[in-house]
N, C-alpha and C. Protein backbone atom coordinates (compact mmCIF):
# COMPACT_ATOMS: atom_id res chain seq x y z
N UNK A 1 113.83 156.26 90.13
CA UNK A 1 114.27 154.71 89.44
C UNK A 1 115.13 154.47 90.59
N UNK A 2 114.84 152.94 90.92
CA UNK A 2 115.88 152.30 91.90
C UNK A 2 116.75 151.07 91.32
N UNK A 3 117.86 150.86 91.60
CA UNK A 3 118.81 149.60 91.47
C UNK A 3 119.12 148.95 92.64
N UNK A 4 118.68 147.75 93.13
CA UNK A 4 119.22 147.04 94.34
C UNK A 4 120.09 146.08 93.62
N UNK A 5 121.57 146.32 94.28
CA UNK A 5 122.63 145.30 94.35
C UNK A 5 122.27 144.25 95.35
N UNK A 6 122.64 143.05 95.03
CA UNK A 6 122.33 142.09 95.71
C UNK A 6 123.18 140.62 95.30
N UNK A 7 123.20 139.45 96.11
CA UNK A 7 123.82 138.43 95.99
C UNK A 7 123.01 138.10 94.46
N UNK A 8 123.88 137.01 93.93
CA UNK A 8 123.00 136.36 92.41
C UNK A 8 122.39 135.30 92.54
N UNK A 9 121.57 135.19 93.79
CA UNK A 9 120.81 134.12 93.98
C UNK A 9 119.14 134.63 93.83
N UNK A 10 118.48 134.01 93.64
CA UNK A 10 116.89 134.20 93.21
C UNK A 10 116.28 134.88 94.59
N UNK A 11 115.75 135.43 94.67
CA UNK A 11 115.12 136.17 95.81
C UNK A 11 113.87 135.45 96.05
N UNK A 12 113.83 135.36 97.49
CA UNK A 12 112.33 134.58 97.85
C UNK A 12 111.20 135.65 97.68
N UNK A 13 110.14 134.91 97.78
CA UNK A 13 108.97 136.11 97.82
C UNK A 13 108.59 136.81 98.63
N UNK A 14 109.10 136.69 99.82
CA UNK A 14 109.00 137.61 100.96
C UNK A 14 110.36 138.44 100.60
N UNK A 15 111.41 138.41 100.28
CA UNK A 15 112.39 139.38 99.95
C UNK A 15 112.11 140.25 99.09
N UNK A 16 111.56 139.91 97.71
CA UNK A 16 110.71 140.65 96.74
C UNK A 16 109.59 141.61 97.30
N UNK A 17 108.68 140.97 98.22
CA UNK A 17 107.61 142.14 98.61
C UNK A 17 108.45 142.96 99.74
N UNK A 18 109.15 142.63 100.33
CA UNK A 18 109.72 143.66 101.22
C UNK A 18 110.49 144.72 100.71
N UNK A 19 111.20 144.38 99.38
CA UNK A 19 111.97 145.44 98.60
C UNK A 19 110.79 146.37 98.04
N UNK A 20 109.82 145.78 97.46
CA UNK A 20 108.86 146.54 96.85
C UNK A 20 107.95 147.47 97.85
N UNK A 21 107.67 146.98 99.13
CA UNK A 21 107.04 147.88 99.94
C UNK A 21 107.78 148.97 100.80
N UNK A 22 109.03 148.47 100.72
CA UNK A 22 110.10 149.79 100.92
C UNK A 22 110.40 150.99 100.00
N UNK A 23 110.58 150.74 98.70
CA UNK A 23 111.10 151.51 97.65
C UNK A 23 109.58 152.08 97.39
N UNK A 24 108.55 151.28 97.24
CA UNK A 24 106.88 152.23 97.24
C UNK A 24 106.81 153.18 98.17
N UNK A 25 106.75 152.59 99.29
CA UNK A 25 106.64 153.49 100.47
C UNK A 25 107.32 154.97 100.39
N UNK A 26 108.43 154.62 100.00
CA UNK A 26 109.29 155.75 100.04
C UNK A 26 108.91 156.76 98.95
N UNK A 27 108.40 156.34 97.84
CA UNK A 27 108.18 157.20 96.70
C UNK A 27 106.75 157.88 97.23
N UNK A 28 105.81 156.81 97.66
CA UNK A 28 104.24 157.40 98.07
C UNK A 28 104.28 158.33 99.57
N UNK A 29 105.59 158.33 100.06
CA UNK A 29 105.71 159.42 100.98
C UNK A 29 105.87 160.77 100.51
N UNK A 30 106.81 160.98 99.46
CA UNK A 30 106.79 162.25 98.84
C UNK A 30 105.91 162.52 97.79
N UNK A 31 105.30 161.64 96.99
CA UNK A 31 104.27 161.82 96.34
C UNK A 31 103.14 160.85 96.34
N UNK A 32 102.08 160.89 97.10
CA UNK A 32 100.81 160.08 97.47
C UNK A 32 100.44 159.37 96.24
N UNK A 33 99.93 160.30 95.06
CA UNK A 33 99.31 160.45 94.21
C UNK A 33 99.61 159.87 92.83
N UNK A 34 101.00 160.10 92.55
CA UNK A 34 101.90 159.48 91.44
C UNK A 34 101.67 157.88 91.06
N UNK A 35 101.48 157.80 89.63
CA UNK A 35 101.35 156.36 89.19
C UNK A 35 102.76 155.43 89.24
N UNK A 36 102.90 154.40 90.02
CA UNK A 36 103.84 153.72 89.67
C UNK A 36 104.16 152.31 88.73
N UNK A 37 105.11 152.36 88.25
CA UNK A 37 105.45 151.14 87.42
C UNK A 37 106.55 150.60 87.90
N UNK A 38 106.32 149.06 88.16
CA UNK A 38 107.61 148.49 88.70
C UNK A 38 107.77 147.60 87.56
N UNK A 39 109.05 147.62 87.45
CA UNK A 39 109.56 146.55 86.20
C UNK A 39 110.72 145.71 86.87
N UNK A 40 110.85 144.50 87.11
CA UNK A 40 111.43 143.67 87.09
C UNK A 40 111.64 142.55 86.48
N UNK A 41 112.97 141.94 86.54
CA UNK A 41 113.39 140.54 85.96
C UNK A 41 112.64 139.24 86.35
N UNK A 42 112.71 138.44 85.58
CA UNK A 42 112.12 137.34 86.12
C UNK A 42 112.25 136.60 87.49
N UNK A 43 113.47 136.91 87.86
CA UNK A 43 113.64 136.69 89.40
C UNK A 43 112.24 137.31 90.54
N UNK A 44 112.00 138.53 90.04
CA UNK A 44 111.15 139.36 90.84
C UNK A 44 109.56 138.68 90.57
N UNK A 45 109.51 138.10 89.22
CA UNK A 45 108.04 137.86 88.69
C UNK A 45 107.38 136.84 89.58
N UNK A 46 107.01 137.16 91.08
CA UNK A 46 106.50 136.08 91.73
C UNK A 46 104.94 136.32 91.86
N UNK A 47 104.31 135.39 92.23
CA UNK A 47 102.76 135.79 92.11
C UNK A 47 102.45 136.69 93.67
N UNK A 48 103.30 136.47 94.46
CA UNK A 48 103.15 137.19 95.72
C UNK A 48 103.60 138.81 95.64
N UNK A 49 104.50 138.95 94.75
CA UNK A 49 104.88 140.39 94.26
C UNK A 49 103.70 141.15 93.37
N UNK A 50 103.05 140.32 92.37
CA UNK A 50 102.12 140.74 91.63
C UNK A 50 101.00 141.17 92.41
N UNK A 51 100.60 140.19 93.31
CA UNK A 51 99.30 140.36 94.24
C UNK A 51 99.62 141.58 94.92
N UNK A 52 100.52 141.64 95.53
CA UNK A 52 100.96 142.92 96.40
C UNK A 52 100.81 144.25 95.52
N UNK A 53 101.44 144.29 94.35
CA UNK A 53 101.27 145.51 93.54
C UNK A 53 99.77 145.82 93.20
N UNK A 54 98.86 144.59 92.55
CA UNK A 54 97.78 144.95 92.58
C UNK A 54 96.95 145.50 93.68
N UNK A 55 97.23 145.16 94.93
CA UNK A 55 96.65 145.36 96.15
C UNK A 55 96.66 146.99 96.50
N UNK A 56 98.14 147.24 96.13
CA UNK A 56 98.56 148.64 96.44
C UNK A 56 98.38 149.42 95.20
N UNK A 57 97.67 149.23 94.01
CA UNK A 57 97.32 150.03 92.95
C UNK A 57 98.73 150.31 92.14
N UNK A 58 99.81 149.51 92.10
CA UNK A 58 100.89 149.51 91.26
C UNK A 58 100.96 148.95 90.32
N UNK A 59 101.47 149.51 89.18
CA UNK A 59 101.38 148.45 87.62
C UNK A 59 102.74 148.16 87.79
N UNK A 60 102.84 147.01 87.20
CA UNK A 60 104.11 145.95 87.25
C UNK A 60 104.00 145.31 85.70
N UNK A 61 105.61 145.21 85.45
CA UNK A 61 106.06 144.36 84.36
C UNK A 61 107.05 143.63 84.66
N UNK A 62 106.81 142.24 84.82
CA UNK A 62 108.09 141.20 85.20
C UNK A 62 108.42 140.20 84.06
N UNK A 63 109.48 140.31 83.86
CA UNK A 63 110.03 139.23 83.06
C UNK A 63 109.50 137.92 83.55
N UNK A 64 109.57 136.77 82.29
CA UNK A 64 109.39 135.56 83.01
C UNK A 64 110.68 134.68 82.25
N UNK A 65 110.86 133.56 82.81
CA UNK A 65 111.80 132.89 82.56
C UNK A 65 111.11 131.76 81.35
N UNK A 66 111.65 130.59 81.35
CA UNK A 66 110.91 129.69 80.62
C UNK A 66 109.71 129.17 81.33
N UNK A 67 109.69 129.32 82.47
CA UNK A 67 108.24 128.62 83.33
C UNK A 67 107.71 129.89 83.76
N UNK A 68 106.09 129.84 83.31
CA UNK A 68 105.36 130.50 83.84
C UNK A 68 105.01 130.04 85.29
N UNK A 69 104.91 131.23 86.49
CA UNK A 69 104.79 130.64 87.73
C UNK A 69 103.44 130.14 88.25
N UNK A 70 103.56 129.31 89.04
CA UNK A 70 102.51 128.46 89.34
C UNK A 70 101.33 129.36 89.98
N UNK A 71 100.01 129.02 89.33
CA UNK A 71 98.96 130.41 89.85
C UNK A 71 98.98 131.62 89.26
N UNK A 72 99.51 131.90 87.96
CA UNK A 72 99.49 132.91 87.40
C UNK A 72 98.36 133.03 86.52
N UNK A 73 97.58 134.19 86.84
CA UNK A 73 96.31 134.13 86.23
C UNK A 73 96.18 133.90 84.52
N UNK A 74 97.43 134.06 83.69
CA UNK A 74 97.41 133.94 82.43
C UNK A 74 98.05 132.59 82.00
N UNK A 75 98.36 131.58 83.18
CA UNK A 75 99.15 130.31 82.87
C UNK A 75 99.08 129.79 81.25
N UNK A 76 97.65 129.59 80.99
CA UNK A 76 97.49 128.83 79.50
C UNK A 76 98.35 129.40 78.54
N UNK A 77 98.77 130.80 78.61
CA UNK A 77 99.28 131.51 77.88
C UNK A 77 100.86 130.42 77.41
N UNK A 78 101.38 130.02 78.88
CA UNK A 78 102.54 129.17 78.44
C UNK A 78 102.68 128.15 77.68
N UNK A 79 101.36 127.30 77.81
CA UNK A 79 101.14 126.07 77.09
C UNK A 79 101.10 126.40 75.53
N UNK A 80 100.45 127.62 75.24
CA UNK A 80 99.80 127.88 74.11
C UNK A 80 101.30 128.07 72.99
N UNK A 81 102.10 128.33 73.73
CA UNK A 81 103.17 128.95 73.11
C UNK A 81 104.55 127.60 72.59
N UNK A 82 104.24 126.50 73.42
CA UNK A 82 105.15 125.42 73.15
C UNK A 82 104.60 124.67 71.93
């Protein structure tokens, strides 16, 4: 488990991807075949982060605020709940 303390602003997608690369790179350096599940709050639920996780074979759960991110594959779900 990793916890990152940072400013209270929403991170840019580049920052999210950089954090994921670093943490997952360290884990895979020690345990290359381990299954990884990333859990992040809505600030980390970026399309770029999801795409990176999928490319790397990393499972993820990201919370969503009141808005579904643009380009999210199941964006119709947000409209169905309103």
